[in-house]
Amino acid sequence: MMDYTTMAQGKDFWPSLRIRCPRRKKRALREHREKQMLKLERELTTISTLQHNLGEVPLHPPVMRGWKRTFVLRADVAAGPEAAFYQGIPDRINVKSND
């Protein structure tokens, strides 16, 4: 015959083992992964904000990037009867700005 006190002690014993059911294990893993992803997202946001706020450093001499286009009239068109009209188009397009 079991004593009442041993039954009460037996009931308190199982929660102290912290045995998890498979569902709780999966949920704990999923929550841990989501927390890690949120942490990474916060770090990426912080890094991108810092990169955005670095500012600009003036270069001496200034560096120009890209292509400089100039338009030229073809020889056969320049020899044609409307050469003056077609020469006016590249003259307007090839204007240099003073920036």
PDB file of N, CA and C in Angstrom:
ATOM      1  N   MET A   1       0.818  -1.176   0.000  1.00  0.00           N
ATOM      2  CA  MET A   1       0.000   0.000   0.000  1.00  0.00           C
ATOM      3  C   MET A   1       0.870   1.251   0.000  1.00  0.00           C
ATOM      4  N   MET A   2       0.485   2.231  -0.877  1.00  0.00           N
ATOM      5  CA  MET A   2       1.284   3.440  -0.989  1.00  0.00           C
ATOM      6  C   MET A   2       0.766   4.490  -0.047  1.00  0.00           C
ATOM      7  N   ASP A   3       1.686   5.229   0.396  1.00  0.00           N
ATOM      8  CA  ASP A   3       1.362   6.307   1.321  1.00  0.00           C
ATOM      9  C   ASP A   3       0.945   7.551   0.510  1.00  0.00           C
ATOM     10  N   TYR A   4       0.140   8.395   1.070  1.00  0.00           N
ATOM     11  CA  TYR A   4      -0.325   9.593   0.396  1.00  0.00           C
ATOM     12  C   TYR A   4       0.833  10.552   0.120  1.00  0.00           C
ATOM     13  N   THR A   5       1.767  10.621   1.017  1.00  0.00           N
ATOM     14  CA  THR A   5       2.892  11.547   0.845  1.00  0.00           C
ATOM     15  C   THR A   5       3.786  11.115  -0.317  1.00  0.00           C
ATOM     16  N   THR A   6       3.977   9.819  -0.507  1.00  0.00           N
ATOM     17  CA  THR A   6       4.802   9.367  -1.631  1.00  0.00           C
ATOM     18  C   THR A   6       4.108   9.651  -2.956  1.00  0.00           C
ATOM     19  N   MET A   7       2.783   9.594  -2.992  1.00  0.00           N
ATOM     20  CA  MET A   7       2.051   9.921  -4.216  1.00  0.00           C
ATOM     21  C   MET A   7       2.217  11.404  -4.555  1.00  0.00           C
ATOM     22  N   ALA A   8       2.138  12.243  -3.532  1.00  0.00           N
ATOM     23  CA  ALA A   8       2.282  13.680  -3.757  1.00  0.00           C
ATOM     24  C   ALA A   8       3.698  14.000  -4.213  1.00  0.00           C
ATOM     25  N   GLN A   9       4.683  13.318  -3.666  1.00  0.00           N
ATOM     26  CA  GLN A   9       6.073  13.544  -4.086  1.00  0.00           C
ATOM     27  C   GLN A   9       6.266  13.063  -5.526  1.00  0.00           C
ATOM     28  N   GLY A  10       5.626  11.977  -5.890  1.00  0.00           N
ATOM     29  CA  GLY A  10       5.736  11.449  -7.244  1.00  0.00           C
ATOM     30  C   GLY A  10       5.167  12.397  -8.278  1.00  0.00           C
ATOM     31  N   LYS A  11       4.102  13.105  -7.954  1.00  0.00           N
ATOM     32  CA  LYS A  11       3.509  14.068  -8.872  1.00  0.00           C
ATOM     33  C   LYS A  11       4.437  15.263  -9.088  1.00  0.00           C
ATOM     34  N   ASP A  12       5.147  15.666  -8.074  1.00  0.00           N
ATOM     35  CA  ASP A  12       6.052  16.809  -8.188  1.00  0.00           C
ATOM     36  C   ASP A  12       7.359  16.434  -8.862  1.00  0.00           C
ATOM     37  N   PHE A  13       7.636  15.140  -8.970  1.00  0.00           N
ATOM     38  CA  PHE A  13       8.901  14.696  -9.517  1.00  0.00           C
ATOM     39  C   PHE A  13       8.963  14.870 -11.032  1.00  0.00           C
ATOM     40  N   TRP A  14       7.876  14.562 -11.767  1.00  0.00           N
ATOM     41  CA  TRP A  14       7.883  14.597 -13.232  1.00  0.00           C
ATOM     42  C   TRP A  14       8.109  15.986 -13.819  1.00  0.00           C
ATOM     43  N   PRO A  15       7.487  17.035 -13.305  1.00  0.00           N
ATOM     44  CA  PRO A  15       7.770  18.361 -13.892  1.00  0.00           C
ATOM     45  C   PRO A  15       9.225  18.804 -13.705  1.00  0.00           C
ATOM     46  N   SER A  16       9.885  18.297 -12.693  1.00  0.00           N
ATOM     47  CA  SER A  16      11.268  18.707 -12.475  1.00  0.00           C
ATOM     48  C   SER A  16      12.213  18.100 -13.503  1.00  0.00           C
ATOM     49  N   LEU A  17      11.787  17.041 -14.214  1.00  0.00           N
ATOM     50  CA  LEU A  17      12.632  16.446 -15.245  1.00  0.00           C
ATOM     51  C   LEU A  17      12.661  17.288 -16.522  1.00  0.00           C
ATOM     52  N   ARG A  18      11.661  18.124 -16.714  1.00  0.00           N
ATOM     53  CA  ARG A  18      11.559  18.998 -17.895  1.00  0.00           C
ATOM     54  C   ARG A  18      11.584  18.190 -19.187  1.00  0.00           C
ATOM     55  N   ILE A  19      10.859  17.102 -19.204  1.00  0.00           N
ATOM     56  CA  ILE A  19      10.759  16.283 -20.404  1.00  0.00           C
ATOM     57  C   ILE A  19       9.815  16.990 -21.374  1.00  0.00           C
ATOM     58  N   ARG A  20      10.278  17.175 -22.603  1.00  0.00           N
ATOM     59  CA  ARG A  20       9.470  17.877 -23.601  1.00  0.00           C
ATOM     60  C   ARG A  20       8.853  16.871 -24.562  1.00  0.00           C
ATOM     61  N   CYS A  21       7.655  17.163 -24.934  1.00  0.00           N
ATOM     62  CA  CYS A  21       7.014  16.346 -25.950  1.00  0.00           C
ATOM     63  C   CYS A  21       7.563  16.766 -27.314  1.00  0.00           C
ATOM     64  N   PRO A  22       7.449  15.936 -28.329  1.00  0.00           N
ATOM     65  CA  PRO A  22       8.010  16.274 -29.660  1.00  0.00           C
ATOM     66  C   PRO A  22       7.473  17.594 -30.229  1.00  0.00           C
ATOM     67  N   ARG A  23       6.229  17.886 -29.952  1.00  0.00           N
ATOM     68  CA  ARG A  23       5.643  19.126 -30.457  1.00  0.00           C
ATOM     69  C   ARG A  23       6.336  20.339 -29.850  1.00  0.00           C
ATOM     70  N   ARG A  24       6.601  20.287 -28.548  1.00  0.00           N
ATOM     71  CA  ARG A  24       7.285  21.414 -27.887  1.00  0.00           C
ATOM     72  C   ARG A  24       8.728  21.542 -28.363  1.00  0.00           C
ATOM     73  N   LYS A  25       9.375  20.410 -28.656  1.00  0.00           N
ATOM     74  CA  LYS A  25      10.744  20.460 -29.170  1.00  0.00           C
ATOM     75  C   LYS A  25      10.781  21.175 -30.519  1.00  0.00           C
ATOM     76  N   LYS A  26       9.859  20.803 -31.420  1.00  0.00           N
ATOM     77  CA  LYS A  26       9.805  21.438 -32.729  1.00  0.00           C
ATOM     78  C   LYS A  26       9.496  22.925 -32.608  1.00  0.00           C
ATOM     79  N   ARG A  27       8.587  23.238 -31.715  1.00  0.00           N
ATOM     80  CA  ARG A  27       8.216  24.642 -31.532  1.00  0.00           C
ATOM     81  C   ARG A  27       9.393  25.440 -30.993  1.00  0.00           C
ATOM     82  N   ALA A  28      10.134  24.865 -30.041  1.00  0.00           N
ATOM     83  CA  ALA A  28      11.304  25.557 -29.488  1.00  0.00           C
ATOM     84  C   ALA A  28      12.361  25.783 -30.564  1.00  0.00           C
ATOM     85  N   LEU A  29      12.574  24.793 -31.422  1.00  0.00           N
ATOM     86  CA  LEU A  29      13.534  24.958 -32.514  1.00  0.00           C
ATOM     87  C   LEU A  29      13.087  26.048 -33.483  1.00  0.00           C
ATOM     88  N   ARG A  30      11.808  26.056 -33.822  1.00  0.00           N
ATOM     89  CA  ARG A  30      11.285  27.062 -34.747  1.00  0.00           C
ATOM     90  C   ARG A  30      11.407  28.468 -34.147  1.00  0.00           C
ATOM     91  N   GLU A  31      11.082  28.598 -32.866  1.00  0.00           N
ATOM     92  CA  GLU A  31      11.182  29.906 -32.213  1.00  0.00           C
ATOM     93  C   GLU A  31      12.627  30.377 -32.160  1.00  0.00           C
ATOM     94  N   HIS A  32      13.548  29.453 -31.887  1.00  0.00           N
ATOM     95  CA  HIS A  32      14.963  29.816 -31.840  1.00  0.00           C
ATOM     96  C   HIS A  32      15.429  30.295 -33.217  1.00  0.00           C
ATOM     97  N   ARG A  33      15.041  29.591 -34.266  1.00  0.00           N
ATOM     98  CA  ARG A  33      15.424  29.974 -35.621  1.00  0.00           C
ATOM     99  C   ARG A  33      14.830  31.342 -35.992  1.00  0.00           C
ATOM    100  N   GLU A  34      13.580  31.576 -35.605  1.00  0.00           N
ATOM    101  CA  GLU A  34      12.959  32.867 -35.906  1.00  0.00           C
ATOM    102  C   GLU A  34      13.649  34.001 -35.156  1.00  0.00           C
ATOM    103  N   LYS A  35      14.039  33.747 -33.917  1.00  0.00           N
ATOM    104  CA  LYS A  35      14.758  34.770 -33.155  1.00  0.00           C
ATOM    105  C   LYS A  35      16.105  35.085 -33.797  1.00  0.00           C
ATOM    106  N   GLN A  36      16.792  34.046 -34.274  1.00  0.00           N
ATOM    107  CA  GLN A  36      18.069  34.268 -34.944  1.00  0.00           C
ATOM    108  C   GLN A  36      17.878  35.079 -36.227  1.00  0.00           C
ATOM    109  N   MET A  37      16.823  34.778 -36.978  1.00  0.00           N
ATOM    110  CA  MET A  37      16.562  35.523 -38.212  1.00  0.00           C
ATOM    111  C   MET A  37      16.234  36.984 -37.912  1.00  0.00           C
ATOM    112  N   LEU A  38      15.449  37.236 -36.871  1.00  0.00           N
ATOM    113  CA  LEU A  38      15.144  38.611 -36.489  1.00  0.00           C
ATOM    114  C   LEU A  38      16.404  39.349 -36.053  1.00  0.00           C
ATOM    115  N   LYS A  39      17.283  38.660 -35.343  1.00  0.00           N
ATOM    116  CA  LYS A  39      18.542  39.267 -34.904  1.00  0.00           C
ATOM    117  C   LYS A  39      19.403  39.637 -36.106  1.00  0.00           C
ATOM    118  N   LEU A  40      19.493  38.732 -37.093  1.00  0.00           N
ATOM    119  CA  LEU A  40      20.260  39.017 -38.300  1.00  0.00           C
ATOM    120  C   LEU A  40      19.666  40.195 -39.076  1.00  0.00           C
ATOM    121  N   GLU A  41      18.345  40.247 -39.144  1.00  0.00           N
ATOM    122  CA  GLU A  41      17.690  41.342 -39.851  1.00  0.00           C
ATOM    123  C   GLU A  41      17.980  42.682 -39.174  1.00  0.00           C
ATOM    124  N   ARG A  42      17.957  42.698 -37.835  1.00  0.00           N
ATOM    125  CA  ARG A  42      18.292  43.927 -37.111  1.00  0.00           C
ATOM    126  C   ARG A  42      19.726  44.339 -37.374  1.00  0.00           C
ATOM    127  N   GLU A  43      20.663  43.370 -37.400  1.00  0.00           N
ATOM    128  CA  GLU A  43      22.063  43.681 -37.664  1.00  0.00           C
ATOM    129  C   GLU A  43      22.245  44.227 -39.078  1.00  0.00           C
ATOM    130  N   LEU A  44      21.571  43.610 -40.058  1.00  0.00           N
ATOM    131  CA  LEU A  44      21.673  44.100 -41.435  1.00  0.00           C
ATOM    132  C   LEU A  44      21.111  45.510 -41.573  1.00  0.00           C
ATOM    133  N   THR A  45      20.017  45.783 -40.885  1.00  0.00           N
ATOM    134  CA  THR A  45      19.430  47.128 -40.918  1.00  0.00           C
ATOM    135  C   THR A  45      20.395  48.139 -40.322  1.00  0.00           C
ATOM    136  N   THR A  46      21.026  47.771 -39.210  1.00  0.00           N
ATOM    137  CA  THR A  46      21.987  48.666 -38.567  1.00  0.00           C
ATOM    138  C   THR A  46      23.172  48.928 -39.483  1.00  0.00           C
ATOM    139  N   ILE A  47      23.695  47.879 -40.114  1.00  0.00           N
ATOM    140  CA  ILE A  47      24.847  48.028 -40.995  1.00  0.00           C
ATOM    141  C   ILE A  47      24.497  48.884 -42.202  1.00  0.00           C
ATOM    142  N   SER A  48      23.335  48.649 -42.800  1.00  0.00           N
ATOM    143  CA  SER A  48      22.955  49.444 -43.976  1.00  0.00           C
ATOM    144  C   SER A  48      22.738  50.904 -43.602  1.00  0.00           C
ATOM    145  N   THR A  49      22.204  51.163 -42.404  1.00  0.00           N
ATOM    146  CA  THR A  49      22.023  52.539 -41.952  1.00  0.00           C
ATOM    147  C   THR A  49      23.374  53.217 -41.764  1.00  0.00           C
ATOM    148  N   LEU A  50      24.321  52.497 -41.168  1.00  0.00           N
ATOM    149  CA  LEU A  50      25.657  53.056 -40.973  1.00  0.00           C
ATOM    150  C   LEU A  50      26.340  53.333 -42.312  1.00  0.00           C
ATOM    151  N   GLN A  51      26.198  52.424 -43.269  1.00  0.00           N
ATOM    152  CA  GLN A  51      26.791  52.638 -44.584  1.00  0.00           C
ATOM    153  C   GLN A  51      26.160  53.843 -45.281  1.00  0.00           C
ATOM    154  N   HIS A  52      24.857  53.996 -45.123  1.00  0.00           N
ATOM    155  CA  HIS A  52      24.156  55.107 -45.763  1.00  0.00           C
ATOM    156  C   HIS A  52      24.594  56.445 -45.177  1.00  0.00           C
ATOM    157  N   ASN A  53      24.917  56.469 -43.893  1.00  0.00           N
ATOM    158  CA  ASN A  53      25.262  57.713 -43.209  1.00  0.00           C
ATOM    159  C   ASN A  53      26.766  57.970 -43.140  1.00  0.00           C
ATOM    160  N   LEU A  54      27.553  57.288 -43.964  1.00  0.00           N
ATOM    161  CA  LEU A  54      28.999  57.503 -43.942  1.00  0.00           C
ATOM    162  C   LEU A  54      29.385  58.898 -44.407  1.00  0.00           C
ATOM    163  N   GLY A  55      28.673  59.418 -45.378  1.00  0.00           N
ATOM    164  CA  GLY A  55      29.002  60.730 -45.902  1.00  0.00           C
ATOM    165  C   GLY A  55      29.890  60.620 -47.124  1.00  0.00           C
ATOM    166  N   GLU A  56      30.224  61.765 -47.680  1.00  0.00           N
ATOM    167  CA  GLU A  56      31.041  61.802 -48.876  1.00  0.00           C
ATOM    168  C   GLU A  56      32.370  62.460 -48.574  1.00  0.00           C
ATOM    169  N   VAL A  57      33.407  61.982 -49.247  1.00  0.00           N
ATOM    170  CA  VAL A  57      34.737  62.551 -49.101  1.00  0.00           C
ATOM    171  C   VAL A  57      35.106  63.178 -50.444  1.00  0.00           C
ATOM    172  N   PRO A  58      35.453  64.460 -50.463  1.00  0.00           N
ATOM    173  CA  PRO A  58      35.826  65.069 -51.734  1.00  0.00           C
ATOM    174  C   PRO A  58      37.152  64.506 -52.245  1.00  0.00           C
ATOM    175  N   LEU A  59      37.211  64.213 -53.527  1.00  0.00           N
ATOM    176  CA  LEU A  59      38.415  63.664 -54.130  1.00  0.00           C
ATOM    177  C   LEU A  59      39.198  64.771 -54.820  1.00  0.00           C
ATOM    178  N   HIS A  60      40.523  64.719 -54.683  1.00  0.00           N
ATOM    179  CA  HIS A  60      41.395  65.702 -55.329  1.00  0.00           C
ATOM    180  C   HIS A  60      42.365  64.966 -56.216  1.00  0.00           C
ATOM    181  N   PRO A  61      42.334  65.061 -57.484  1.00  0.00           N
ATOM    182  CA  PRO A  61      41.369  65.752 -58.332  1.00  0.00           C
ATOM    183  C   PRO A  61      40.077  64.956 -58.416  1.00  0.00           C
ATOM    184  N   PRO A  62      38.972  65.611 -58.738  1.00  0.00           N
ATOM    185  CA  PRO A  62      37.703  64.886 -58.828  1.00  0.00           C
ATOM    186  C   PRO A  62      37.730  63.816 -59.920  1.00  0.00           C
ATOM    187  N   VAL A  63      37.063  62.713 -59.658  1.00  0.00           N
ATOM    188  CA  VAL A  63      37.041  61.593 -60.580  1.00  0.00           C
ATOM    189  C   VAL A  63      35.690  61.571 -61.268  1.00  0.00           C
ATOM    190  N   MET A  64      35.714  61.471 -62.593  1.00  0.00           N
ATOM    191  CA  MET A  64      34.474  61.392 -63.354  1.00  0.00           C
ATOM    192  C   MET A  64      34.270  59.957 -63.810  1.00  0.00           C
ATOM    193  N   ARG A  65      33.098  59.416 -63.566  1.00  0.00           N
ATOM    194  CA  ARG A  65      32.789  58.059 -63.973  1.00  0.00           C
ATOM    195  C   ARG A  65      31.778  58.090 -65.103  1.00  0.00           C
ATOM    196  N   GLY A  66      31.839  57.082 -65.940  1.00  0.00           N
ATOM    197  CA  GLY A  66      30.868  56.972 -67.009  1.00  0.00           C
ATOM    198  C   GLY A  66      31.483  57.287 -68.359  1.00  0.00           C
ATOM    199  N   TRP A  67      30.614  57.456 -69.322  1.00  0.00           N
ATOM    200  CA  TRP A  67      31.039  57.680 -70.694  1.00  0.00           C
ATOM    201  C   TRP A  67      30.695  59.097 -71.110  1.00  0.00           C
ATOM    202  N   LYS A  68      31.530  59.627 -71.966  1.00  0.00           N
ATOM    203  CA  LYS A  68      31.264  60.932 -72.548  1.00  0.00           C
ATOM    204  C   LYS A  68      30.910  60.695 -74.006  1.00  0.00           C
ATOM    205  N   ARG A  69      29.677  60.965 -74.380  1.00  0.00           N
ATOM    206  CA  ARG A  69      29.220  60.700 -75.740  1.00  0.00           C
ATOM    207  C   ARG A  69      29.389  61.937 -76.614  1.00  0.00           C
ATOM    208  N   THR A  70      29.855  61.690 -77.799  1.00  0.00           N
ATOM    209  CA  THR A  70      29.869  62.741 -78.818  1.00  0.00           C
ATOM    210  C   THR A  70      29.285  62.145 -80.094  1.00  0.00           C
ATOM    211  N   PHE A  71      28.445  62.897 -80.737  1.00  0.00           N
ATOM    212  CA  PHE A  71      27.790  62.441 -81.948  1.00  0.00           C
ATOM    213  C   PHE A  71      28.452  63.104 -83.145  1.00  0.00           C
ATOM    214  N   VAL A  72      28.720  62.306 -84.173  1.00  0.00           N
ATOM    215  CA  VAL A  72      29.415  62.776 -85.368  1.00  0.00           C
ATOM    216  C   VAL A  72      28.554  62.452 -86.577  1.00  0.00           C
ATOM    217  N   LEU A  73      28.573  63.352 -87.506  1.00  0.00           N
ATOM    218  CA  LEU A  73      27.805  63.164 -88.737  1.00  0.00           C
ATOM    219  C   LEU A  73      28.566  62.226 -89.673  1.00  0.00           C
ATOM    220  N   ARG A  74      27.860  61.237 -90.249  1.00  0.00           N
ATOM    221  CA  ARG A  74      28.503  60.305 -91.184  1.00  0.00           C
ATOM    222  C   ARG A  74      28.950  61.031 -92.453  1.00  0.00           C
ATOM    223  N   ALA A  75      29.943  60.449 -93.095  1.00  0.00           N
ATOM    224  CA  ALA A  75      30.523  61.095 -94.289  1.00  0.00           C
ATOM    225  C   ALA A  75      29.527  61.151 -95.441  1.00  0.00           C
ATOM    226  N   ASP A  76      28.741  60.105 -95.644  1.00  0.00           N
ATOM    227  CA  ASP A  76      27.794  60.105 -96.758  1.00  0.00           C
ATOM    228  C   ASP A  76      26.670  61.112 -96.551  1.00  0.00           C
ATOM    229  N   VAL A  77      26.251  61.323 -95.289  1.00  0.00           N
ATOM    230  CA  VAL A  77      25.209  62.305 -95.006  1.00  0.00           C
ATOM    231  C   VAL A  77      25.788  63.712 -95.122  1.00  0.00           C
ATOM    232  N   ALA A  78      27.038  63.904 -94.688  1.00  0.00           N
ATOM    233  CA  ALA A  78      27.683  65.221 -94.779  1.00  0.00           C
ATOM    234  C   ALA A  78      27.885  65.642 -96.233  1.00  0.00           C
ATOM    235  N   ALA A  79      27.999  64.685 -97.142  1.00  0.00           N
ATOM    236  CA  ALA A  79      28.178  65.001 -98.558  1.00  0.00           C
ATOM    237  C   ALA A  79      26.848  65.219 -99.268  1.00  0.00           C
ATOM    238  N   GLY A  80      25.733  64.956 -98.607  1.00  0.00           N
ATOM    239  CA  GLY A  80      24.418  65.072 -99.231  1.00  0.00           C
ATOM    240  C   GLY A  80      23.941  66.496 -99.339  1.00  0.00           C
ATOM    241  N   PRO A  81      22.776  66.668 -99.984  1.00  0.00           N
ATOM    242  CA  PRO A  81      22.250  68.026-100.202  1.00  0.00           C
ATOM    243  C   PRO A  81      21.731  68.692 -98.918  1.00  0.00           C
ATOM    244  N   GLU A  82      21.309  67.919 -97.912  1.00  0.00           N
ATOM    245  CA  GLU A  82      20.777  68.510 -96.669  1.00  0.00           C
ATOM    246  C   GLU A  82      21.787  68.397 -95.531  1.00  0.00           C
ATOM    247  N   ALA A  83      23.043  68.519 -95.830  1.00  0.00           N
ATOM    248  CA  ALA A  83      24.111  68.373 -94.838  1.00  0.00           C
ATOM    249  C   ALA A  83      24.026  69.434 -93.747  1.00  0.00           C
ATOM    250  N   ALA A  84      23.641  70.650 -94.093  1.00  0.00           N
ATOM    251  CA  ALA A  84      23.568  71.739 -93.098  1.00  0.00           C
ATOM    252  C   ALA A  84      22.495  71.428 -92.050  1.00  0.00           C
ATOM    253  N   PHE A  85      21.359  70.873 -92.502  1.00  0.00           N
ATOM    254  CA  PHE A  85      20.279  70.516 -91.565  1.00  0.00           C
ATOM    255  C   PHE A  85      20.742  69.426 -90.607  1.00  0.00           C
ATOM    256  N   TYR A  86      21.340  68.359 -91.161  1.00  0.00           N
ATOM    257  CA  TYR A  86      21.768  67.237 -90.317  1.00  0.00           C
ATOM    258  C   TYR A  86      22.962  67.595 -89.435  1.00  0.00           C
ATOM    259  N   GLN A  87      23.774  68.567 -89.824  1.00  0.00           N
ATOM    260  CA  GLN A  87      24.899  68.987 -88.984  1.00  0.00           C
ATOM    261  C   GLN A  87      24.398  69.755 -87.758  1.00  0.00           C
ATOM    262  N   GLY A  88      23.257  70.372 -87.874  1.00  0.00           N
ATOM    263  CA  GLY A  88      22.699  71.115 -86.738  1.00  0.00           C
ATOM    264  C   GLY A  88      22.291  70.206 -85.576  1.00  0.00           C
ATOM    265  N   ILE A  89      21.913  68.963 -85.871  1.00  0.00           N
ATOM    266  CA  ILE A  89      21.474  68.028 -84.814  1.00  0.00           C
ATOM    267  C   ILE A  89      22.626  67.668 -83.879  1.00  0.00           C
ATOM    268  N   PRO A  90      23.789  67.194 -84.366  1.00  0.00           N
ATOM    269  CA  PRO A  90      24.881  66.898 -83.421  1.00  0.00           C
ATOM    270  C   PRO A  90      25.409  68.146 -82.726  1.00  0.00           C
ATOM    271  N   ASP A  91      25.312  69.293 -83.361  1.00  0.00           N
ATOM    272  CA  ASP A  91      25.778  70.518 -82.721  1.00  0.00           C
ATOM    273  C   ASP A  91      24.940  70.834 -81.486  1.00  0.00           C
ATOM    274  N   ARG A  92      23.655  70.544 -81.536  1.00  0.00           N
ATOM    275  CA  ARG A  92      22.784  70.798 -80.373  1.00  0.00           C
ATOM    276  C   ARG A  92      22.956  69.716 -79.296  1.00  0.00           C
ATOM    277  N   ILE A  93      23.168  68.474 -79.727  1.00  0.00           N
ATOM    278  CA  ILE A  93      23.281  67.366 -78.765  1.00  0.00           C
ATOM    279  C   ILE A  93      24.622  67.406 -78.042  1.00  0.00           C
ATOM    280  N   ASN A  94      25.702  67.762 -78.688  1.00  0.00           N
ATOM    281  CA  ASN A  94      27.039  67.688 -78.110  1.00  0.00           C
ATOM    282  C   ASN A  94      27.403  68.910 -77.263  1.00  0.00           C
ATOM    283  N   VAL A  95      26.433  69.605 -76.735  1.00  0.00           N
ATOM    284  CA  VAL A  95      26.695  70.773 -75.900  1.00  0.00           C
ATOM    285  C   VAL A  95      27.287  70.308 -74.577  1.00  0.00           C
ATOM    286  N   LYS A  96      28.361  70.937 -74.161  1.00  0.00           N
ATOM    287  CA  LYS A  96      29.003  70.608 -72.882  1.00  0.00           C
ATOM    288  C   LYS A  96      28.450  71.524 -71.810  1.00  0.00           C
ATOM    289  N   SER A  97      28.172  70.945 -70.632  1.00  0.00           N
ATOM    290  CA  SER A  97      27.701  71.765 -69.527  1.00  0.00           C
ATOM    291  C   SER A  97      28.892  72.238 -68.697  1.00  0.00           C
ATOM    292  N   ASN A  98      28.729  73.315 -67.970  1.00  0.00           N
ATOM    293  CA  ASN A  98      29.819  73.883 -67.174  1.00  0.00           C
ATOM    294  C   ASN A  98      29.734  73.462 -65.713  1.00  0.00           C
ATOM    295  N   ASP A  99      29.296  72.245 -65.440  1.00  0.00           N
ATOM    296  CA  ASP A  99      29.169  71.767 -64.050  1.00  0.00           C
ATOM    297  C   ASP A  99      30.489  71.302 -63.508  1.00  0.00           C
TER     298      ASP A  99
END
